[in-house]
Amino acid sequence: ASNEPMIVIDGLPVSNDGVSGMGNPLTSINPSDIESFTVLKDASATAIYGSRASNGVIIITTKKGSKYDSSVPHVAVDFTASLSHNAKYVDVMTGDQMRQIMAWYTGGTDNDAYQALGTANTDWQREIYQLAQSYEANVSITGNVKMGEKNNLPYRVSGGYINQDGTLKTSNMERGTLSVNLSPVLLDNHLTINLNGKGM
């Protein structure tokens, strides 16, 4: 049995098995699109979602347009850049120190085992780690299209891109997201429809 919580995004349960090539369904969500994040556990979770929620539920609601938004679109843009580095390295022997131990262990420096060690003093920790750069950009457009006196079409369209290098060379995470949310209010405020589309 798994101890993973159930994940519900905008009312839709997401499989804990995830999507092929993705370790966790939470990695598919752009954090800038999250409006609220609620955790249910114990009886409150199983009362609503049944036995699938025996390990708890994470309920995520994403941002939407509102019928109170202006008909003039609101554009939000943010960009973040950062650098990461290893604050500490493991204290290990140098090549010369290793050769001294080998000479003591093998009884001298005139044997094949000692000669095979060569003369290099490469610090491999410094060779495999790097100064890691990260870039993240998010753009969203929110507004409301008036369709008569009481009918509205609130909308929110957002896109995000992140490219994050790890401090270990060749480690990298790159993700692009696109989210479209339409929330038309029709029939004199008697019918509200929510349409969500997300791509990652």
N, C-alpha and C. Protein backbone atom coordinates (compact mmCIF):
# COMPACT_ATOMS: atom_id res chain seq x y z
N ALA A 1 0.85 -1.19 0.00
CA ALA A 1 0.00 0.00 0.00
C ALA A 1 0.88 1.24 0.00
N SER A 2 0.35 2.28 -0.61
CA SER A 2 1.09 3.54 -0.69
C SER A 2 0.66 4.44 0.45
N ASN A 3 1.55 5.32 0.86
CA ASN A 3 1.19 6.32 1.87
C ASN A 3 1.09 7.71 1.26
N GLU A 4 0.93 7.77 -0.07
CA GLU A 4 0.82 9.06 -0.76
C GLU A 4 -0.56 9.65 -0.53
N PRO A 5 -0.66 10.97 -0.31
CA PRO A 5 -1.98 11.58 -0.19
C PRO A 5 -2.65 11.70 -1.55
N MET A 6 -3.96 11.82 -1.53
CA MET A 6 -4.72 12.05 -2.75
C MET A 6 -4.58 13.52 -3.12
N ILE A 7 -4.43 13.83 -4.41
CA ILE A 7 -4.26 15.21 -4.86
C ILE A 7 -5.47 15.59 -5.71
N VAL A 8 -6.12 16.70 -5.35
CA VAL A 8 -7.29 17.18 -6.08
C VAL A 8 -6.97 18.58 -6.58
N ILE A 9 -6.99 18.77 -7.90
CA ILE A 9 -6.70 20.06 -8.50
C ILE A 9 -7.97 20.59 -9.16
N ASP A 10 -8.47 21.71 -8.66
CA ASP A 10 -9.71 22.32 -9.16
C ASP A 10 -10.86 21.31 -9.21
N GLY A 11 -10.97 20.50 -8.16
CA GLY A 11 -12.06 19.55 -8.05
C GLY A 11 -11.84 18.24 -8.77
N LEU A 12 -10.71 18.10 -9.48
CA LEU A 12 -10.44 16.89 -10.25
C LEU A 12 -9.35 16.07 -9.57
N PRO A 13 -9.67 14.85 -9.11
CA PRO A 13 -8.61 14.02 -8.50
C PRO A 13 -7.55 13.65 -9.54
N VAL A 14 -6.29 13.74 -9.14
CA VAL A 14 -5.17 13.41 -10.02
C VAL A 14 -4.56 12.11 -9.54
N SER A 15 -4.24 11.23 -10.46
CA SER A 15 -3.67 9.94 -10.10
C SER A 15 -2.35 10.11 -9.38
N ASN A 16 -2.17 9.37 -8.29
CA ASN A 16 -0.90 9.41 -7.55
C ASN A 16 0.23 8.76 -8.34
N ASP A 17 -0.12 7.97 -9.36
CA ASP A 17 0.91 7.34 -10.18
C ASP A 17 1.60 8.37 -11.05
N GLY A 18 0.98 9.55 -11.19
CA GLY A 18 1.60 10.62 -11.96
C GLY A 18 1.49 10.38 -13.45
N VAL A 19 2.22 11.16 -14.19
CA VAL A 19 2.25 11.09 -15.63
C VAL A 19 3.62 10.56 -16.02
N SER A 20 3.70 9.82 -17.10
CA SER A 20 4.97 9.25 -17.53
C SER A 20 6.02 10.35 -17.67
N GLY A 21 7.18 10.12 -17.05
CA GLY A 21 8.26 11.09 -17.11
C GLY A 21 8.21 12.14 -16.02
N MET A 22 7.21 12.07 -15.14
CA MET A 22 7.05 13.06 -14.08
C MET A 22 6.97 12.33 -12.75
N GLY A 23 7.79 12.73 -11.80
CA GLY A 23 7.85 12.03 -10.53
C GLY A 23 6.64 12.23 -9.65
N ASN A 24 6.00 13.40 -9.72
CA ASN A 24 4.92 13.74 -8.82
C ASN A 24 3.96 14.67 -9.53
N PRO A 25 2.63 14.47 -9.40
CA PRO A 25 1.69 15.34 -10.10
C PRO A 25 1.80 16.81 -9.67
N LEU A 26 2.33 17.07 -8.49
CA LEU A 26 2.46 18.45 -8.03
C LEU A 26 3.46 19.24 -8.88
N THR A 27 4.39 18.54 -9.54
CA THR A 27 5.38 19.24 -10.36
C THR A 27 4.77 19.79 -11.64
N SER A 28 3.52 19.41 -11.94
CA SER A 28 2.88 19.89 -13.16
C SER A 28 2.22 21.25 -12.96
N ILE A 29 2.19 21.74 -11.74
CA ILE A 29 1.48 23.00 -11.45
C ILE A 29 2.49 24.12 -11.30
N ASN A 30 2.20 25.22 -11.96
CA ASN A 30 3.00 26.42 -11.79
C ASN A 30 2.61 27.05 -10.45
N PRO A 31 3.54 27.24 -9.52
CA PRO A 31 3.19 27.82 -8.21
C PRO A 31 2.52 29.18 -8.31
N SER A 32 2.79 29.93 -9.39
CA SER A 32 2.16 31.25 -9.55
C SER A 32 0.67 31.14 -9.86
N ASP A 33 0.21 29.96 -10.27
CA ASP A 33 -1.21 29.77 -10.58
C ASP A 33 -2.03 29.31 -9.38
N ILE A 34 -1.38 29.00 -8.27
CA ILE A 34 -2.10 28.47 -7.10
C ILE A 34 -2.73 29.61 -6.31
N GLU A 35 -4.03 29.48 -6.06
CA GLU A 35 -4.74 30.45 -5.24
C GLU A 35 -4.84 29.99 -3.79
N SER A 36 -5.17 28.71 -3.60
CA SER A 36 -5.24 28.17 -2.24
C SER A 36 -4.78 26.72 -2.23
N PHE A 37 -4.30 26.31 -1.06
CA PHE A 37 -3.70 24.99 -0.87
C PHE A 37 -4.21 24.48 0.48
N THR A 38 -5.04 23.45 0.46
CA THR A 38 -5.66 22.96 1.69
C THR A 38 -5.30 21.49 1.90
N VAL A 39 -5.02 21.14 3.13
CA VAL A 39 -4.70 19.75 3.47
C VAL A 39 -5.81 19.21 4.39
N LEU A 40 -6.42 18.12 3.97
CA LEU A 40 -7.41 17.43 4.80
C LEU A 40 -6.80 16.11 5.26
N LYS A 41 -7.09 15.73 6.49
CA LYS A 41 -6.57 14.45 6.98
C LYS A 41 -7.60 13.78 7.87
N ASP A 42 -7.34 12.53 8.14
CA ASP A 42 -8.17 11.72 9.03
C ASP A 42 -9.61 11.63 8.51
N ALA A 43 -10.59 11.73 9.42
CA ALA A 43 -11.99 11.48 9.07
C ALA A 43 -12.54 12.51 8.09
N SER A 44 -12.07 13.75 8.16
CA SER A 44 -12.61 14.77 7.25
C SER A 44 -12.30 14.44 5.80
N ALA A 45 -11.15 13.83 5.55
CA ALA A 45 -10.78 13.47 4.18
C ALA A 45 -11.58 12.27 3.69
N THR A 46 -11.69 11.24 4.51
CA THR A 46 -12.40 10.03 4.07
C THR A 46 -13.90 10.28 3.99
N ALA A 47 -14.44 11.20 4.77
CA ALA A 47 -15.87 11.50 4.70
C ALA A 47 -16.24 12.09 3.34
N ILE A 48 -15.33 12.85 2.74
CA ILE A 48 -15.62 13.50 1.46
C ILE A 48 -15.22 12.62 0.29
N TYR A 49 -14.03 12.02 0.35
CA TYR A 49 -13.46 11.33 -0.81
C TYR A 49 -13.40 9.80 -0.66
N GLY A 50 -13.83 9.27 0.47
CA GLY A 50 -13.86 7.82 0.64
C GLY A 50 -12.50 7.23 0.94
N SER A 51 -12.37 5.93 0.68
CA SER A 51 -11.16 5.20 1.08
C SER A 51 -9.92 5.64 0.29
N ARG A 52 -10.11 6.26 -0.88
CA ARG A 52 -8.94 6.74 -1.64
C ARG A 52 -8.19 7.80 -0.86
N ALA A 53 -8.88 8.45 0.08
CA ALA A 53 -8.27 9.55 0.83
C ALA A 53 -7.81 9.11 2.21
N SER A 54 -7.53 7.82 2.39
CA SER A 54 -7.14 7.34 3.71
C SER A 54 -5.81 7.92 4.19
N ASN A 55 -4.98 8.41 3.26
CA ASN A 55 -3.70 9.04 3.63
C ASN A 55 -3.79 10.56 3.59
N GLY A 56 -4.99 11.10 3.51
CA GLY A 56 -5.17 12.54 3.46
C GLY A 56 -5.38 13.04 2.04
N VAL A 57 -5.76 14.30 1.94
CA VAL A 57 -6.05 14.92 0.65
C VAL A 57 -5.37 16.28 0.59
N ILE A 58 -4.75 16.57 -0.54
CA ILE A 58 -4.23 17.90 -0.81
C ILE A 58 -5.15 18.52 -1.86
N ILE A 59 -5.84 19.58 -1.48
CA ILE A 59 -6.78 20.25 -2.38
C ILE A 59 -6.14 21.55 -2.86
N ILE A 60 -5.97 21.65 -4.18
CA ILE A 60 -5.36 22.84 -4.77
C ILE A 60 -6.39 23.54 -5.64
N THR A 61 -6.56 24.83 -5.41
CA THR A 61 -7.44 25.64 -6.25
C THR A 61 -6.59 26.65 -6.98
N THR A 62 -6.74 26.71 -8.30
CA THR A 62 -5.94 27.64 -9.09
C THR A 62 -6.69 28.96 -9.28
N LYS A 63 -5.96 29.98 -9.64
CA LYS A 63 -6.53 31.32 -9.81
C LYS A 63 -7.46 31.35 -11.02
N LYS A 64 -8.52 32.15 -10.89
CA LYS A 64 -9.50 32.29 -11.96
C LYS A 64 -9.83 33.78 -12.14
N GLY A 65 -10.45 34.07 -13.24
CA GLY A 65 -10.99 35.41 -13.42
C GLY A 65 -12.24 35.56 -12.56
N SER A 66 -12.62 36.81 -12.28
CA SER A 66 -13.78 37.07 -11.45
C SER A 66 -14.77 37.95 -12.20
N LYS A 67 -16.06 37.76 -11.90
CA LYS A 67 -17.07 38.59 -12.56
C LYS A 67 -16.96 40.05 -12.13
N TYR A 68 -16.18 40.30 -11.09
CA TYR A 68 -15.98 41.68 -10.64
C TYR A 68 -14.77 42.32 -11.29
N ASP A 69 -14.03 41.56 -12.11
CA ASP A 69 -12.87 42.13 -12.81
C ASP A 69 -13.31 43.16 -13.83
N SER A 70 -12.41 44.06 -14.13
CA SER A 70 -12.67 45.09 -15.14
C SER A 70 -12.65 44.47 -16.53
N SER A 71 -13.32 45.14 -17.47
CA SER A 71 -13.28 44.67 -18.86
C SER A 71 -11.94 44.97 -19.51
N VAL A 72 -11.15 45.84 -18.86
CA VAL A 72 -9.79 46.13 -19.33
C VAL A 72 -8.87 45.03 -18.79
N PRO A 73 -8.18 44.30 -19.66
CA PRO A 73 -7.34 43.19 -19.18
C PRO A 73 -6.24 43.68 -18.23
N HIS A 74 -5.98 42.88 -17.22
CA HIS A 74 -4.91 43.15 -16.26
C HIS A 74 -3.77 42.18 -16.57
N VAL A 75 -2.60 42.73 -16.85
CA VAL A 75 -1.44 41.90 -17.20
C VAL A 75 -0.44 41.93 -16.05
N ALA A 76 0.00 40.75 -15.63
CA ALA A 76 1.01 40.64 -14.57
C ALA A 76 2.20 39.86 -15.12
N VAL A 77 3.40 40.39 -14.90
CA VAL A 77 4.62 39.76 -15.39
C VAL A 77 5.62 39.72 -14.24
N ASP A 78 6.28 38.59 -14.05
CA ASP A 78 7.39 38.56 -13.09
C ASP A 78 8.50 37.69 -13.63
N PHE A 79 9.70 38.05 -13.26
CA PHE A 79 10.90 37.33 -13.71
C PHE A 79 11.85 37.22 -12.53
N THR A 80 12.40 36.03 -12.34
CA THR A 80 13.33 35.78 -11.23
C THR A 80 14.57 35.06 -11.78
N ALA A 81 15.72 35.52 -11.35
CA ALA A 81 16.98 34.84 -11.68
C ALA A 81 17.73 34.59 -10.38
N SER A 82 18.40 33.47 -10.29
CA SER A 82 19.14 33.16 -9.06
C SER A 82 20.36 32.31 -9.37
N LEU A 83 21.29 32.32 -8.42
CA LEU A 83 22.50 31.50 -8.50
C LEU A 83 22.57 30.61 -7.27
N SER A 84 23.03 29.38 -7.45
CA SER A 84 23.18 28.46 -6.33
C SER A 84 24.58 27.86 -6.36
N HIS A 85 25.11 27.59 -5.18
CA HIS A 85 26.41 26.91 -5.11
C HIS A 85 26.44 26.06 -3.85
N ASN A 86 27.34 25.09 -3.85
CA ASN A 86 27.51 24.25 -2.67
C ASN A 86 28.24 25.04 -1.59
N ALA A 87 27.62 25.12 -0.43
CA ALA A 87 28.23 25.89 0.66
C ALA A 87 29.39 25.14 1.30
N LYS A 88 29.39 23.82 1.18
CA LYS A 88 30.41 23.03 1.87
C LYS A 88 30.74 21.79 1.05
N TYR A 89 31.98 21.40 1.07
CA TYR A 89 32.43 20.18 0.41
C TYR A 89 32.92 19.20 1.46
N VAL A 90 32.92 17.93 1.12
CA VAL A 90 33.41 16.88 2.02
C VAL A 90 34.93 16.97 2.07
N ASP A 91 35.47 16.92 3.27
CA ASP A 91 36.92 16.99 3.44
C ASP A 91 37.51 15.62 3.14
N VAL A 92 38.23 15.53 2.04
CA VAL A 92 38.84 14.25 1.63
C VAL A 92 40.34 14.42 1.46
N MET A 93 41.04 13.29 1.31
CA MET A 93 42.48 13.34 1.12
C MET A 93 42.84 13.85 -0.27
N THR A 94 44.00 14.47 -0.37
CA THR A 94 44.53 14.83 -1.69
C THR A 94 45.17 13.59 -2.31
N GLY A 95 45.54 13.73 -3.58
CA GLY A 95 46.21 12.62 -4.26
C GLY A 95 47.52 12.27 -3.57
N ASP A 96 48.28 13.28 -3.14
CA ASP A 96 49.56 13.03 -2.47
C ASP A 96 49.36 12.28 -1.16
N GLN A 97 48.34 12.65 -0.39
CA GLN A 97 48.08 11.97 0.88
C GLN A 97 47.69 10.51 0.63
N MET A 98 46.90 10.28 -0.43
CA MET A 98 46.51 8.91 -0.76
C MET A 98 47.72 8.07 -1.17
N ARG A 99 48.63 8.69 -1.90
CA ARG A 99 49.84 7.97 -2.33
C ARG A 99 50.73 7.65 -1.14
N GLN A 100 50.80 8.54 -0.14
CA GLN A 100 51.59 8.27 1.06
C GLN A 100 51.04 7.06 1.81
N ILE A 101 49.72 6.98 1.91
CA ILE A 101 49.11 5.83 2.59
C ILE A 101 49.38 4.55 1.79
N MET A 102 49.28 4.63 0.48
CA MET A 102 49.54 3.45 -0.36
C MET A 102 50.99 3.00 -0.24
N ALA A 103 51.92 3.96 -0.15
CA ALA A 103 53.34 3.60 0.00
C ALA A 103 53.57 2.89 1.33
N TRP A 104 52.93 3.39 2.37
CA TRP A 104 53.06 2.75 3.69
C TRP A 104 52.44 1.36 3.67
N TYR A 105 51.26 1.22 3.02
CA TYR A 105 50.53 -0.05 3.01
C TYR A 105 51.24 -1.10 2.17
N THR A 106 51.81 -0.68 1.04
CA THR A 106 52.45 -1.65 0.14
C THR A 106 53.93 -1.82 0.41
N GLY A 107 54.47 -1.03 1.32
CA GLY A 107 55.87 -1.20 1.70
C GLY A 107 56.85 -0.44 0.84
N GLY A 108 56.42 0.63 0.17
CA GLY A 108 57.36 1.42 -0.61
C GLY A 108 56.72 2.00 -1.86
N THR A 109 57.57 2.69 -2.63
CA THR A 109 57.07 3.36 -3.83
C THR A 109 57.52 2.67 -5.11
N ASP A 110 58.17 1.53 -4.99
CA ASP A 110 58.71 0.85 -6.17
C ASP A 110 57.85 -0.34 -6.60
N ASN A 111 56.54 -0.25 -6.42
CA ASN A 111 55.69 -1.37 -6.83
C ASN A 111 54.62 -0.87 -7.82
N ASP A 112 54.00 -1.81 -8.51
CA ASP A 112 53.03 -1.46 -9.55
C ASP A 112 51.80 -0.75 -9.00
N ALA A 113 51.34 -1.16 -7.81
CA ALA A 113 50.14 -0.54 -7.22
C ALA A 113 50.37 0.94 -6.96
N TYR A 114 51.54 1.28 -6.44
CA TYR A 114 51.84 2.68 -6.17
C TYR A 114 52.00 3.45 -7.48
N GLN A 115 52.70 2.89 -8.43
CA GLN A 115 52.94 3.57 -9.71
C GLN A 115 51.63 3.83 -10.46
N ALA A 116 50.64 2.94 -10.26
CA ALA A 116 49.35 3.08 -10.97
C ALA A 116 48.57 4.31 -10.49
N LEU A 117 48.92 4.83 -9.32
CA LEU A 117 48.21 6.00 -8.80
C LEU A 117 48.59 7.28 -9.52
N GLY A 118 49.68 7.30 -10.24
CA GLY A 118 50.07 8.49 -11.00
C GLY A 118 50.51 9.62 -10.10
N THR A 119 50.45 10.85 -10.62
CA THR A 119 50.92 12.01 -9.87
C THR A 119 49.86 13.12 -9.76
N ALA A 120 48.66 12.89 -10.28
CA ALA A 120 47.63 13.94 -10.32
C ALA A 120 47.07 14.22 -8.92
N ASN A 121 46.61 15.46 -8.74
CA ASN A 121 45.97 15.88 -7.50
C ASN A 121 44.61 16.52 -7.79
N THR A 122 43.82 15.87 -8.60
CA THR A 122 42.52 16.42 -9.01
C THR A 122 41.52 16.37 -7.85
N ASP A 123 40.87 17.49 -7.57
CA ASP A 123 39.79 17.53 -6.58
C ASP A 123 38.48 17.31 -7.34
N TRP A 124 38.00 16.07 -7.36
CA TRP A 124 36.85 15.73 -8.18
C TRP A 124 35.57 16.41 -7.72
N GLN A 125 35.49 16.78 -6.44
CA GLN A 125 34.31 17.52 -5.99
C GLN A 125 34.21 18.85 -6.72
N ARG A 126 35.34 19.52 -6.89
CA ARG A 126 35.32 20.80 -7.60
C ARG A 126 35.04 20.61 -9.09
N GLU A 127 35.32 19.42 -9.60
CA GLU A 127 35.12 19.16 -11.03
C GLU A 127 33.67 18.82 -11.37
N ILE A 128 32.96 18.16 -10.46
CA ILE A 128 31.61 17.72 -10.80
C ILE A 128 30.52 18.71 -10.37
N TYR A 129 30.86 19.68 -9.52
CA TYR A 129 29.87 20.67 -9.11
C TYR A 129 30.09 21.98 -9.85
N GLN A 130 29.02 22.77 -9.92
CA GLN A 130 29.08 24.01 -10.67
C GLN A 130 28.28 25.11 -9.96
N LEU A 131 28.48 26.33 -10.40
CA LEU A 131 27.64 27.45 -9.98
C LEU A 131 26.37 27.37 -10.82
N ALA A 132 25.24 27.10 -10.18
CA ALA A 132 24.00 26.80 -10.92
C ALA A 132 23.17 28.06 -11.11
N GLN A 133 22.68 28.24 -12.33
CA GLN A 133 21.84 29.37 -12.67
C GLN A 133 20.39 28.91 -12.81
N SER A 134 19.47 29.77 -12.38
CA SER A 134 18.04 29.48 -12.51
C SER A 134 17.32 30.70 -13.03
N TYR A 135 16.36 30.47 -13.92
CA TYR A 135 15.54 31.55 -14.48
C TYR A 135 14.09 31.12 -14.43
N GLU A 136 13.23 32.04 -14.01
CA GLU A 136 11.80 31.75 -13.99
C GLU A 136 11.04 32.99 -14.44
N ALA A 137 10.09 32.80 -15.36
CA ALA A 137 9.27 33.90 -15.86
C ALA A 137 7.81 33.46 -15.87
N ASN A 138 6.92 34.37 -15.47
CA ASN A 138 5.49 34.10 -15.45
C ASN A 138 4.74 35.30 -16.02
N VAL A 139 3.73 35.03 -16.83
CA VAL A 139 2.88 36.08 -17.41
C VAL A 139 1.43 35.64 -17.24
N SER A 140 0.57 36.56 -16.81
CA SER A 140 -0.86 36.24 -16.73
C SER A 140 -1.69 37.42 -17.22
N ILE A 141 -2.81 37.10 -17.83
CA ILE A 141 -3.76 38.11 -18.30
C ILE A 141 -5.12 37.75 -17.71
N THR A 142 -5.71 38.70 -16.98
CA THR A 142 -6.99 38.48 -16.32
C THR A 142 -7.95 39.57 -16.73
N GLY A 143 -9.20 39.21 -16.96
CA GLY A 143 -10.19 40.21 -17.33
C GLY A 143 -11.59 39.63 -17.32
N ASN A 144 -12.52 40.42 -17.81
CA ASN A 144 -13.92 40.04 -17.80
C ASN A 144 -14.59 40.63 -19.03
N VAL A 145 -15.19 39.77 -19.84
CA VAL A 145 -15.91 40.23 -21.03
C VAL A 145 -17.39 40.32 -20.67
N LYS A 146 -17.96 41.52 -20.79
CA LYS A 146 -19.38 41.73 -20.49
C LYS A 146 -20.21 41.23 -21.67
N MET A 147 -21.19 40.38 -21.38
CA MET A 147 -22.07 39.86 -22.42
C MET A 147 -23.51 40.20 -22.06
N GLY A 148 -23.82 41.47 -22.07
CA GLY A 148 -25.15 41.91 -21.66
C GLY A 148 -25.10 42.51 -20.27
N GLU A 149 -26.28 42.75 -19.73
CA GLU A 149 -26.36 43.44 -18.43
C GLU A 149 -25.90 42.58 -17.26
N LYS A 150 -26.26 41.27 -17.26
CA LYS A 150 -25.93 40.42 -16.12
C LYS A 150 -25.04 39.24 -16.49
N ASN A 151 -24.73 39.06 -17.76
CA ASN A 151 -23.90 37.92 -18.17
C ASN A 151 -22.45 38.36 -18.34
N ASN A 152 -21.55 37.56 -17.81
CA ASN A 152 -20.12 37.88 -17.84
C ASN A 152 -19.33 36.67 -18.30
N LEU A 153 -18.13 36.96 -18.82
CA LEU A 153 -17.18 35.89 -19.15
C LEU A 153 -15.83 36.24 -18.53
N PRO A 154 -15.66 35.94 -17.22
CA PRO A 154 -14.34 36.15 -16.60
C PRO A 154 -13.33 35.15 -17.17
N TYR A 155 -12.10 35.61 -17.35
CA TYR A 155 -11.08 34.72 -17.92
C TYR A 155 -9.73 35.00 -17.26
N ARG A 156 -8.89 34.00 -17.32
CA ARG A 156 -7.49 34.13 -16.89
C ARG A 156 -6.65 33.21 -17.76
N VAL A 157 -5.65 33.78 -18.40
CA VAL A 157 -4.71 33.02 -19.22
C VAL A 157 -3.32 33.27 -18.65
N SER A 158 -2.59 32.22 -18.41
CA SER A 158 -1.25 32.40 -17.83
C SER A 158 -0.26 31.43 -18.46
N GLY A 159 0.97 31.85 -18.48
CA GLY A 159 2.05 31.00 -18.97
C GLY A 159 3.26 31.15 -18.06
N GLY A 160 3.99 30.10 -17.92
CA GLY A 160 5.18 30.14 -17.07
C GLY A 160 6.30 29.31 -17.67
N TYR A 161 7.52 29.71 -17.37
CA TYR A 161 8.69 28.96 -17.85
C TYR A 161 9.75 29.00 -16.76
N ILE A 162 10.34 27.84 -16.49
CA ILE A 162 11.43 27.77 -15.53
C ILE A 162 12.54 26.90 -16.12
N ASN A 163 13.76 27.35 -15.94
CA ASN A 163 14.94 26.58 -16.34
C ASN A 163 15.91 26.65 -15.17
N GLN A 164 16.09 25.54 -14.50
CA GLN A 164 16.88 25.51 -13.27
C GLN A 164 17.97 24.47 -13.37
N ASP A 165 19.21 24.91 -13.27
CA ASP A 165 20.35 24.01 -13.22
C ASP A 165 20.58 23.57 -11.78
N GLY A 166 21.04 22.34 -11.61
CA GLY A 166 21.45 21.88 -10.29
C GLY A 166 22.93 22.14 -10.08
N THR A 167 23.37 22.10 -8.84
CA THR A 167 24.80 22.31 -8.58
C THR A 167 25.64 21.15 -9.09
N LEU A 168 25.04 19.97 -9.25
CA LEU A 168 25.74 18.85 -9.86
C LEU A 168 25.66 19.00 -11.37
N LYS A 169 26.79 19.00 -12.03
CA LYS A 169 26.81 19.21 -13.47
C LYS A 169 25.91 18.20 -14.18
N THR A 170 25.30 18.64 -15.23
CA THR A 170 24.34 17.91 -16.08
C THR A 170 22.96 17.78 -15.44
N SER A 171 22.75 18.22 -14.19
CA SER A 171 21.41 18.16 -13.61
C SER A 171 20.66 19.44 -13.97
N ASN A 172 19.43 19.27 -14.48
CA ASN A 172 18.66 20.42 -14.95
C ASN A 172 17.18 20.07 -14.91
N MET A 173 16.36 21.08 -14.61
CA MET A 173 14.91 20.92 -14.68
C MET A 173 14.37 22.07 -15.52
N GLU A 174 13.60 21.73 -16.53
CA GLU A 174 13.01 22.74 -17.41
C GLU A 174 11.52 22.44 -17.53
N ARG A 175 10.68 23.48 -17.31
CA ARG A 175 9.24 23.27 -17.38
C ARG A 175 8.58 24.50 -17.98
N GLY A 176 7.65 24.25 -18.88
CA GLY A 176 6.82 25.31 -19.42
C GLY A 176 5.37 24.97 -19.12
N THR A 177 4.58 25.94 -18.70
CA THR A 177 3.17 25.69 -18.38
C THR A 177 2.29 26.71 -19.08
N LEU A 178 1.09 26.28 -19.42
CA LEU A 178 0.08 27.15 -20.00
C LEU A 178 -1.24 26.81 -19.34
N SER A 179 -1.95 27.82 -18.88
CA SER A 179 -3.21 27.59 -18.19
C SER A 179 -4.25 28.57 -18.73
N VAL A 180 -5.43 28.04 -19.06
CA VAL A 180 -6.55 28.86 -19.53
C VAL A 180 -7.74 28.54 -18.66
N ASN A 181 -8.38 29.59 -18.11
CA ASN A 181 -9.54 29.41 -17.26
C ASN A 181 -10.64 30.36 -17.69
N LEU A 182 -11.79 29.82 -18.02
CA LEU A 182 -12.96 30.60 -18.38
C LEU A 182 -14.07 30.29 -17.39
N SER A 183 -14.74 31.32 -16.88
CA SER A 183 -15.80 31.12 -15.89
C SER A 183 -17.04 31.92 -16.28
N PRO A 184 -17.71 31.54 -17.37
CA PRO A 184 -18.87 32.32 -17.79
C PRO A 184 -20.01 32.24 -16.80
N VAL A 185 -20.68 33.38 -16.59
CA VAL A 185 -21.87 33.47 -15.74
C VAL A 185 -23.02 33.85 -16.67
N LEU A 186 -23.99 32.94 -16.80
CA LEU A 186 -25.05 33.09 -17.78
C LEU A 186 -26.43 33.04 -17.12
N LEU A 187 -27.46 33.27 -17.92
CA LEU A 187 -28.85 33.19 -17.48
C LEU A 187 -29.11 34.04 -16.24
N ASP A 188 -28.71 35.30 -16.32
CA ASP A 188 -28.93 36.25 -15.21
C ASP A 188 -28.41 35.72 -13.88
N ASN A 189 -27.15 35.28 -13.90
CA ASN A 189 -26.45 34.78 -12.69
C ASN A 189 -27.01 33.47 -12.15
N HIS A 190 -27.79 32.73 -12.95
CA HIS A 190 -28.32 31.45 -12.48
C HIS A 190 -27.46 30.26 -12.91
N LEU A 191 -26.54 30.49 -13.85
CA LEU A 191 -25.69 29.40 -14.33
C LEU A 191 -24.24 29.86 -14.39
N THR A 192 -23.37 29.15 -13.68
CA THR A 192 -21.93 29.43 -13.71
C THR A 192 -21.22 28.20 -14.22
N ILE A 193 -20.37 28.38 -15.20
CA ILE A 193 -19.63 27.28 -15.79
C ILE A 193 -18.13 27.55 -15.60
N ASN A 194 -17.38 26.55 -15.21
CA ASN A 194 -15.93 26.67 -15.07
C ASN A 194 -15.26 25.77 -16.10
N LEU A 195 -14.44 26.36 -16.97
CA LEU A 195 -13.70 25.61 -17.98
C LEU A 195 -12.22 25.81 -17.72
N ASN A 196 -11.50 24.72 -17.50
CA ASN A 196 -10.07 24.79 -17.21
C ASN A 196 -9.30 23.99 -18.25
N GLY A 197 -8.21 24.55 -18.72
CA GLY A 197 -7.30 23.82 -19.58
C GLY A 197 -5.88 24.08 -19.11
N LYS A 198 -5.12 23.02 -18.91
CA LYS A 198 -3.74 23.18 -18.42
C LYS A 198 -2.81 22.32 -19.27
N GLY A 199 -1.71 22.89 -19.66
CA GLY A 199 -0.71 22.14 -20.40
C GLY A 199 0.65 22.33 -19.73
N MET A 200 1.49 21.29 -19.78
CA MET A 200 2.79 21.36 -19.11
C MET A 200 3.82 20.65 -19.94
